[in-house]
Amino acid sequence: MIDREFKFQLEGYSLTTARILYRMPDHPAILQTYVWQDYDLAPEFPALNSFLDFWRRKLDGPLHSVEVAAKRLIGLRELRLVREEYRLN
């Protein structure tokens, strides 16, 4: 059985980290930081955009800014076809 994260990496997903700065609902002059991380497809970032839409609809702290970093963990150079597998007991 293939691990979920490994399958995403093979499908072109990258590990995406977003640093979200938002204003405190009771103290709008104070900024708070939230870090979000998941596998997502760059450069559209559908999972991150879905999360940010949820934030805008359901949470009280208005967004100030979002910084995004994405890194593919598996590239084409790191994959190679294995034709045979031997097992020794």
N, C-alpha and C. Protein backbone atom coordinates (compact mmCIF):
# COMPACT_ATOMS: atom_id res chain seq x y z
N MET A 1 0.84 -1.18 0.00
CA MET A 1 0.00 0.00 0.00
C MET A 1 0.89 1.25 0.00
N ILE A 2 0.60 2.19 -0.89
CA ILE A 2 1.41 3.40 -1.03
C ILE A 2 0.96 4.44 -0.02
N ASP A 3 1.94 5.07 0.62
CA ASP A 3 1.67 6.14 1.58
C ASP A 3 1.02 7.33 0.86
N ARG A 4 0.07 7.98 1.50
CA ARG A 4 -0.67 9.11 0.92
C ARG A 4 0.29 10.23 0.49
N GLU A 5 1.23 10.59 1.36
CA GLU A 5 2.15 11.68 1.05
C GLU A 5 3.06 11.32 -0.13
N PHE A 6 3.53 10.08 -0.18
CA PHE A 6 4.39 9.65 -1.28
C PHE A 6 3.63 9.68 -2.60
N LYS A 7 2.37 9.26 -2.59
CA LYS A 7 1.54 9.30 -3.80
C LYS A 7 1.38 10.75 -4.28
N PHE A 8 1.12 11.68 -3.36
CA PHE A 8 1.00 13.09 -3.73
C PHE A 8 2.29 13.60 -4.37
N GLN A 9 3.43 13.21 -3.82
CA GLN A 9 4.72 13.65 -4.35
C GLN A 9 4.92 13.15 -5.78
N LEU A 10 4.53 11.90 -6.04
CA LEU A 10 4.66 11.35 -7.38
C LEU A 10 3.72 12.04 -8.37
N GLU A 11 2.60 12.56 -7.88
CA GLU A 11 1.63 13.23 -8.74
C GLU A 11 1.97 14.71 -8.96
N GLY A 12 3.09 15.18 -8.42
CA GLY A 12 3.52 16.55 -8.66
C GLY A 12 3.19 17.53 -7.56
N TYR A 13 2.63 17.06 -6.47
CA TYR A 13 2.35 17.95 -5.36
C TYR A 13 3.65 18.34 -4.67
N SER A 14 3.68 19.52 -4.10
CA SER A 14 4.85 19.97 -3.35
C SER A 14 4.44 20.24 -1.90
N LEU A 15 5.41 20.13 -1.02
CA LEU A 15 5.16 20.47 0.37
C LEU A 15 5.07 21.99 0.45
N THR A 16 3.92 22.48 0.85
CA THR A 16 3.65 23.91 0.86
C THR A 16 3.48 24.40 2.29
N THR A 17 4.17 25.47 2.61
CA THR A 17 4.08 26.09 3.92
C THR A 17 3.64 27.53 3.73
N ALA A 18 2.64 27.95 4.51
CA ALA A 18 2.15 29.33 4.44
C ALA A 18 2.23 29.95 5.82
N ARG A 19 2.84 31.12 5.88
CA ARG A 19 2.85 31.89 7.13
C ARG A 19 1.76 32.95 7.00
N ILE A 20 0.75 32.82 7.83
CA ILE A 20 -0.42 33.68 7.75
C ILE A 20 -0.38 34.66 8.92
N LEU A 21 -0.37 35.95 8.58
CA LEU A 21 -0.47 36.98 9.60
C LEU A 21 -1.91 37.49 9.61
N TYR A 22 -2.50 37.54 10.79
CA TYR A 22 -3.88 38.01 10.90
C TYR A 22 -4.02 38.92 12.11
N ARG A 23 -5.04 39.73 12.08
CA ARG A 23 -5.29 40.67 13.17
C ARG A 23 -6.14 40.00 14.24
N MET A 24 -5.80 40.28 15.48
CA MET A 24 -6.59 39.76 16.61
C MET A 24 -7.97 40.42 16.57
N PRO A 25 -9.05 39.67 16.72
CA PRO A 25 -10.38 40.25 16.65
C PRO A 25 -10.63 41.33 17.72
N ASP A 26 -10.15 41.12 18.93
CA ASP A 26 -10.38 42.08 20.01
C ASP A 26 -9.37 43.22 20.03
N HIS A 27 -8.21 43.00 19.41
CA HIS A 27 -7.13 44.00 19.38
C HIS A 27 -6.58 44.08 17.97
N PRO A 28 -7.23 44.83 17.06
CA PRO A 28 -6.83 44.85 15.66
C PRO A 28 -5.42 45.38 15.39
N ALA A 29 -4.82 46.06 16.34
CA ALA A 29 -3.46 46.57 16.14
C ALA A 29 -2.41 45.47 16.34
N ILE A 30 -2.81 44.33 16.90
CA ILE A 30 -1.88 43.23 17.18
C ILE A 30 -2.00 42.18 16.09
N LEU A 31 -0.84 41.78 15.54
CA LEU A 31 -0.80 40.72 14.53
C LEU A 31 -0.41 39.40 15.19
N GLN A 32 -1.06 38.35 14.78
CA GLN A 32 -0.78 36.99 15.26
C GLN A 32 -0.33 36.16 14.06
N THR A 33 0.50 35.16 14.30
CA THR A 33 1.00 34.30 13.22
C THR A 33 0.38 32.91 13.32
N TYR A 34 0.01 32.36 12.15
CA TYR A 34 -0.47 30.99 12.05
C TYR A 34 0.31 30.34 10.92
N VAL A 35 0.83 29.13 11.13
CA VAL A 35 1.58 28.41 10.10
C VAL A 35 0.74 27.24 9.61
N TRP A 36 0.52 27.20 8.30
CA TRP A 36 -0.25 26.14 7.64
C TRP A 36 0.70 25.35 6.76
N GLN A 37 0.58 24.01 6.78
CA GLN A 37 1.45 23.18 5.94
C GLN A 37 0.67 21.97 5.46
N ASP A 38 0.78 21.70 4.15
CA ASP A 38 0.14 20.54 3.55
C ASP A 38 0.73 20.34 2.16
N TYR A 39 0.37 19.25 1.50
CA TYR A 39 0.78 19.04 0.11
C TYR A 39 -0.21 19.77 -0.79
N ASP A 40 0.32 20.50 -1.77
CA ASP A 40 -0.52 21.31 -2.64
C ASP A 40 0.13 21.42 -4.02
N LEU A 41 -0.66 21.82 -5.01
CA LEU A 41 -0.16 21.97 -6.38
C LEU A 41 0.20 23.42 -6.65
N ALA A 42 1.50 23.66 -6.83
CA ALA A 42 1.95 25.02 -7.18
C ALA A 42 1.77 25.21 -8.67
N PRO A 43 1.53 26.38 -9.18
CA PRO A 43 1.41 27.67 -8.51
C PRO A 43 -0.02 28.06 -8.18
N GLU A 44 -1.01 27.19 -8.46
CA GLU A 44 -2.41 27.56 -8.18
C GLU A 44 -2.76 27.43 -6.70
N PHE A 45 -2.17 26.46 -6.01
CA PHE A 45 -2.39 26.20 -4.58
C PHE A 45 -3.88 26.06 -4.24
N PRO A 46 -4.57 25.07 -4.81
CA PRO A 46 -6.00 24.92 -4.52
C PRO A 46 -6.30 24.61 -3.06
N ALA A 47 -5.48 23.81 -2.40
CA ALA A 47 -5.74 23.47 -0.99
C ALA A 47 -5.57 24.71 -0.10
N LEU A 48 -4.52 25.48 -0.34
CA LEU A 48 -4.30 26.69 0.45
C LEU A 48 -5.41 27.70 0.21
N ASN A 49 -5.80 27.89 -1.05
CA ASN A 49 -6.88 28.83 -1.34
C ASN A 49 -8.19 28.40 -0.71
N SER A 50 -8.44 27.10 -0.68
CA SER A 50 -9.64 26.59 -0.01
C SER A 50 -9.59 26.90 1.49
N PHE A 51 -8.42 26.70 2.10
CA PHE A 51 -8.27 27.01 3.52
C PHE A 51 -8.46 28.50 3.78
N LEU A 52 -7.88 29.35 2.93
CA LEU A 52 -8.02 30.79 3.12
C LEU A 52 -9.47 31.25 2.91
N ASP A 53 -10.19 30.63 1.98
CA ASP A 53 -11.61 30.94 1.81
C ASP A 53 -12.39 30.57 3.06
N PHE A 54 -12.08 29.39 3.64
CA PHE A 54 -12.71 28.99 4.90
C PHE A 54 -12.41 30.01 5.99
N TRP A 55 -11.16 30.45 6.06
CA TRP A 55 -10.76 31.43 7.08
C TRP A 55 -11.59 32.71 6.95
N ARG A 56 -11.70 33.21 5.73
CA ARG A 56 -12.45 34.47 5.51
C ARG A 56 -13.93 34.32 5.86
N ARG A 57 -14.52 33.15 5.59
CA ARG A 57 -15.94 32.94 5.85
C ARG A 57 -16.25 32.67 7.32
N LYS A 58 -15.39 31.88 7.99
CA LYS A 58 -15.77 31.34 9.31
C LYS A 58 -15.02 31.95 10.50
N LEU A 59 -13.84 32.51 10.30
CA LEU A 59 -13.05 32.97 11.44
C LEU A 59 -13.10 34.49 11.57
N ASP A 60 -12.96 34.97 12.80
CA ASP A 60 -13.10 36.40 13.07
C ASP A 60 -11.85 37.21 12.77
N GLY A 61 -10.67 36.63 12.88
CA GLY A 61 -9.44 37.39 12.68
C GLY A 61 -9.19 37.70 11.22
N PRO A 62 -9.30 38.99 10.81
CA PRO A 62 -9.07 39.32 9.40
C PRO A 62 -7.61 39.10 8.99
N LEU A 63 -7.43 38.62 7.77
CA LEU A 63 -6.09 38.34 7.26
C LEU A 63 -5.34 39.64 6.98
N HIS A 64 -4.06 39.64 7.34
CA HIS A 64 -3.19 40.76 7.03
C HIS A 64 -2.33 40.43 5.82
N SER A 65 -1.63 39.28 5.87
CA SER A 65 -0.78 38.87 4.76
C SER A 65 -0.54 37.36 4.82
N VAL A 66 -0.14 36.81 3.67
CA VAL A 66 0.16 35.38 3.57
C VAL A 66 1.45 35.24 2.77
N GLU A 67 2.44 34.55 3.34
CA GLU A 67 3.69 34.22 2.64
C GLU A 67 3.69 32.73 2.37
N VAL A 68 4.02 32.36 1.13
CA VAL A 68 3.95 30.95 0.72
C VAL A 68 5.31 30.48 0.25
N ALA A 69 5.69 29.28 0.68
CA ALA A 69 6.90 28.61 0.19
C ALA A 69 6.51 27.19 -0.20
N ALA A 70 7.00 26.74 -1.36
CA ALA A 70 6.68 25.40 -1.83
C ALA A 70 7.94 24.74 -2.35
N LYS A 71 8.08 23.45 -2.07
CA LYS A 71 9.26 22.71 -2.50
C LYS A 71 8.84 21.30 -2.89
N ARG A 72 9.15 20.94 -4.15
CA ARG A 72 8.90 19.56 -4.57
C ARG A 72 9.95 18.67 -3.92
N LEU A 73 9.50 17.61 -3.29
CA LEU A 73 10.42 16.74 -2.57
C LEU A 73 11.00 15.65 -3.47
N ILE A 74 10.29 15.31 -4.53
CA ILE A 74 10.79 14.31 -5.48
C ILE A 74 10.81 14.93 -6.86
N GLY A 75 11.98 14.94 -7.48
CA GLY A 75 12.11 15.46 -8.83
C GLY A 75 12.36 14.32 -9.80
N LEU A 76 12.42 14.63 -11.09
CA LEU A 76 12.63 13.60 -12.09
C LEU A 76 13.98 12.91 -11.94
N ARG A 77 14.99 13.64 -11.50
CA ARG A 77 16.32 13.04 -11.35
C ARG A 77 16.37 12.03 -10.22
N GLU A 78 15.43 12.09 -9.30
CA GLU A 78 15.46 11.23 -8.13
C GLU A 78 14.66 9.95 -8.32
N LEU A 79 13.98 9.81 -9.44
CA LEU A 79 13.23 8.59 -9.74
C LEU A 79 13.94 7.80 -10.81
N ARG A 80 13.96 6.50 -10.64
CA ARG A 80 14.50 5.65 -11.70
C ARG A 80 13.73 4.34 -11.69
N LEU A 81 13.60 3.75 -12.83
CA LEU A 81 12.83 2.53 -12.99
C LEU A 81 13.65 1.33 -12.50
N VAL A 82 13.04 0.53 -11.67
CA VAL A 82 13.66 -0.70 -11.20
C VAL A 82 12.96 -1.85 -11.89
N ARG A 83 13.73 -2.62 -12.63
CA ARG A 83 13.12 -3.69 -13.42
C ARG A 83 13.01 -5.00 -12.64
N GLU A 84 13.90 -5.24 -11.72
CA GLU A 84 13.87 -6.49 -10.99
C GLU A 84 14.10 -6.24 -9.51
N GLU A 85 13.55 -7.14 -8.72
CA GLU A 85 13.73 -7.06 -7.28
C GLU A 85 14.05 -8.46 -6.78
N TYR A 86 15.11 -8.58 -5.98
CA TYR A 86 15.51 -9.87 -5.43
C TYR A 86 15.35 -9.81 -3.93
N ARG A 87 14.90 -10.91 -3.35
CA ARG A 87 14.76 -11.00 -1.90
C ARG A 87 15.59 -12.17 -1.38
N LEU A 88 16.32 -11.89 -0.34
CA LEU A 88 17.10 -12.92 0.32
C LEU A 88 16.53 -13.16 1.71
N ASN A 89 16.39 -14.41 2.08
CA ASN A 89 15.86 -14.71 3.41
C ASN A 89 16.97 -14.83 4.41
